[in-house]
Amino acid sequence: MGAIRELDRKRVCFFVKKGNADIFYEQLQQLNELIKQEWASIENHFEDFAKFGPKIILFLDNAIFHKRKDVLAKIAEDFPNCILEFLPAYSPDYNIIELVWYSCKEYIAHRLFKSVDELKSLLDKLLNQGELVIKWHRKIKNKSNSQYVAA
């Protein structure tokens, strides 16, 4: 699961074995904590984060686990800075993280890995440590049409 900040294109990616609503909530907790730590590192107070911290707008695809009602209610209660926006169905051209996934898949294609840990290590360097070069104005596929990503 991944997120990207529009302002500076900072990426945060989490490795999960299976996507479901509970994992989604856990990942959102981790993302919220990372943003809170970053916010506090510039001389802000943790206790002021909910009131004065940045708004976190997440653009989500329509995976069923993103829309489970009890998890949405818990997110609204626990993360007041978080705003969830859902993209139209089948619209990777609106989802900037799709360029990250596409570039990463292209980079690792046709490579052999000795273990899953070796693959995870490379993915962490590419996705979280910023070593992946992304062509932000590349075309990606939307069903049978090519679309430009508005990045």
Protein backbone atom coordinates (compact mmCIF):
# COMPACT_ATOMS: atom_id res chain seq x y z
CA MET A 1 0.00 0.00 0.00
CA GLY A 2 1.37 3.39 -0.80
CA ALA A 3 0.88 7.11 -0.52
CA ILE A 4 2.50 10.04 -2.23
CA ARG A 5 2.60 13.67 -1.12
CA GLU A 6 1.65 16.02 -3.95
CA LEU A 7 3.84 18.91 -2.76
CA ASP A 8 7.24 17.21 -2.96
CA ARG A 9 6.40 13.74 -4.36
CA LYS A 10 7.57 12.08 -1.13
CA ARG A 11 6.52 8.43 -1.17
CA VAL A 12 5.59 6.14 1.70
CA CYS A 13 4.96 2.50 0.89
CA PHE A 14 4.00 -0.32 3.22
CA PHE A 15 4.46 -4.00 2.48
CA VAL A 16 1.36 -6.02 3.31
CA LYS A 17 0.63 -9.68 2.65
CA LYS A 18 -3.06 -9.10 2.02
CA GLY A 19 -5.18 -6.00 1.66
CA ASN A 20 -8.25 -5.85 3.87
CA ALA A 21 -10.06 -3.21 5.90
CA ASP A 22 -8.19 -3.91 9.14
CA ILE A 23 -4.79 -3.75 7.40
CA PHE A 24 -5.90 -0.55 5.65
CA TYR A 25 -6.72 0.99 9.05
CA GLU A 26 -3.34 -0.13 10.48
CA GLN A 27 -1.50 1.39 7.51
CA LEU A 28 -3.42 4.62 7.95
CA GLN A 29 -2.38 4.66 11.61
CA GLN A 30 1.26 4.31 10.54
CA LEU A 31 0.92 7.03 7.90
CA ASN A 32 -0.75 9.35 10.40
CA GLU A 33 2.06 8.71 12.90
CA LEU A 34 4.75 9.41 10.28
CA ILE A 35 3.09 12.70 9.37
CA LYS A 36 2.66 13.61 13.04
CA GLN A 37 6.36 12.88 13.72
CA GLU A 38 7.40 14.99 10.74
CA TRP A 39 5.10 17.81 11.87
CA ALA A 40 6.43 17.68 15.44
CA SER A 41 10.03 17.74 14.17
CA ILE A 42 9.54 21.34 13.01
CA GLU A 43 8.87 22.65 16.53
CA ASN A 44 5.20 21.75 16.84
CA HIS A 45 3.63 19.89 19.76
CA PHE A 46 2.18 16.39 19.38
CA GLU A 47 -0.90 17.31 21.39
CA ASP A 48 -1.73 20.09 18.89
CA PHE A 49 -1.66 17.80 15.84
CA ALA A 50 -5.39 17.04 15.68
CA LYS A 51 -6.30 20.72 15.92
CA PHE A 52 -3.48 22.49 14.06
CA GLY A 53 -1.75 19.75 12.04
CA PRO A 54 -1.97 19.42 8.28
CA LYS A 55 -5.01 18.01 6.53
CA ILE A 56 -4.29 14.62 5.02
CA ILE A 57 -6.34 14.04 1.90
CA LEU A 58 -6.21 10.46 0.67
CA PHE A 59 -7.42 9.62 -2.81
CA LEU A 60 -8.47 5.99 -2.78
CA ASP A 61 -9.51 3.50 -5.38
CA ASN A 62 -12.76 1.66 -4.88
CA ALA A 63 -11.39 -1.47 -3.23
CA ILE A 64 -14.18 -2.84 -1.06
CA PHE A 65 -11.99 -2.78 2.04
CA HIS A 66 -11.52 1.01 1.69
CA LYS A 67 -15.27 1.45 2.16
CA ARG A 68 -16.13 -0.80 5.10
CA LYS A 69 -18.50 1.29 7.22
CA ASP A 70 -17.09 0.44 10.66
CA VAL A 71 -13.55 1.26 9.51
CA LEU A 72 -14.68 4.54 7.90
CA ALA A 73 -16.38 5.51 11.19
CA LYS A 74 -13.24 4.62 13.15
CA ILE A 75 -11.07 6.67 10.75
CA ALA A 76 -13.36 9.69 11.11
CA GLU A 77 -13.17 9.40 14.91
CA ASP A 78 -9.47 8.59 15.32
CA PHE A 79 -7.96 10.72 12.55
CA PRO A 80 -9.75 14.09 12.40
CA ASN A 81 -7.09 15.45 10.01
CA CYS A 82 -7.80 12.72 7.47
CA ILE A 83 -10.12 13.27 4.53
CA LEU A 84 -10.94 10.31 2.30
CA GLU A 85 -11.83 10.92 -1.34
CA PHE A 86 -12.78 8.08 -3.66
CA LEU A 87 -11.77 8.07 -7.30
CA PRO A 88 -14.17 7.09 -10.06
CA ALA A 89 -14.06 3.40 -10.95
CA TYR A 90 -11.37 2.33 -13.41
CA SER A 91 -9.50 5.63 -13.33
CA PRO A 92 -5.78 4.96 -12.82
CA ASP A 93 -5.14 8.12 -14.84
CA TYR A 94 -6.36 10.15 -11.83
CA ASN A 95 -4.32 8.20 -9.29
CA ILE A 96 -0.75 9.49 -9.12
CA ILE A 97 0.49 6.47 -7.13
CA GLU A 98 -0.18 4.33 -10.23
CA LEU A 99 2.86 5.97 -11.86
CA VAL A 100 4.97 4.87 -8.91
CA TRP A 101 3.71 1.28 -9.17
CA TYR A 102 4.19 1.27 -12.95
CA SER A 103 7.76 2.62 -12.71
CA CYS A 104 8.63 0.14 -9.98
CA LYS A 105 7.24 -2.83 -11.90
CA GLU A 106 9.16 -1.71 -14.97
CA TYR A 107 12.39 -1.45 -12.95
CA ILE A 108 12.16 -4.93 -11.38
CA ALA A 109 10.82 -6.75 -14.46
CA HIS A 110 13.06 -9.51 -15.79
CA ARG A 111 15.25 -9.59 -12.68
CA LEU A 112 15.82 -12.67 -10.59
CA PHE A 113 15.79 -12.51 -6.81
CA LYS A 114 17.30 -15.07 -4.45
CA SER A 115 14.60 -14.50 -1.86
CA VAL A 116 11.49 -12.51 -1.01
CA ASP A 117 13.60 -10.55 1.48
CA GLU A 118 15.96 -9.49 -1.31
CA LEU A 119 12.98 -8.26 -3.34
CA LYS A 120 11.55 -6.41 -0.32
CA SER A 121 14.91 -4.77 0.33
CA LEU A 122 15.11 -3.51 -3.25
CA LEU A 123 11.50 -2.31 -3.16
CA ASP A 124 12.17 -0.43 0.08
CA LYS A 125 15.15 1.35 -1.52
CA LEU A 126 13.15 2.18 -4.61
CA LEU A 127 9.89 3.21 -2.99
CA ASN A 128 10.71 4.55 0.48
CA GLN A 129 14.27 5.78 0.10
CA GLY A 130 13.62 7.61 -3.15
CA GLU A 131 15.93 5.66 -5.44
CA LEU A 132 13.23 5.05 -8.06
CA VAL A 133 13.22 7.58 -10.89
CA ILE A 134 9.69 8.22 -12.06
CA LYS A 135 8.68 9.76 -15.37
CA TRP A 136 5.77 11.81 -14.09
CA HIS A 137 4.23 12.54 -17.50
CA ARG A 138 4.20 8.95 -18.74
CA LYS A 139 1.16 7.28 -20.23
CA ILE A 140 -0.49 4.48 -18.27
CA LYS A 141 -3.20 2.12 -19.39
CA ASN A 142 -6.84 2.62 -18.52
CA LYS A 143 -8.51 -0.48 -19.93
CA SER A 144 -7.80 -0.26 -23.66
CA ASN A 145 -7.04 3.48 -23.75
CA SER A 146 -3.81 5.25 -22.93
CA GLN A 147 -4.25 8.20 -20.62
CA TYR A 148 -1.87 10.88 -19.38
CA VAL A 149 -1.63 11.08 -15.63
CA ALA A 150 -2.22 14.60 -14.41
CA ALA A 151 0.83 14.94 -12.24
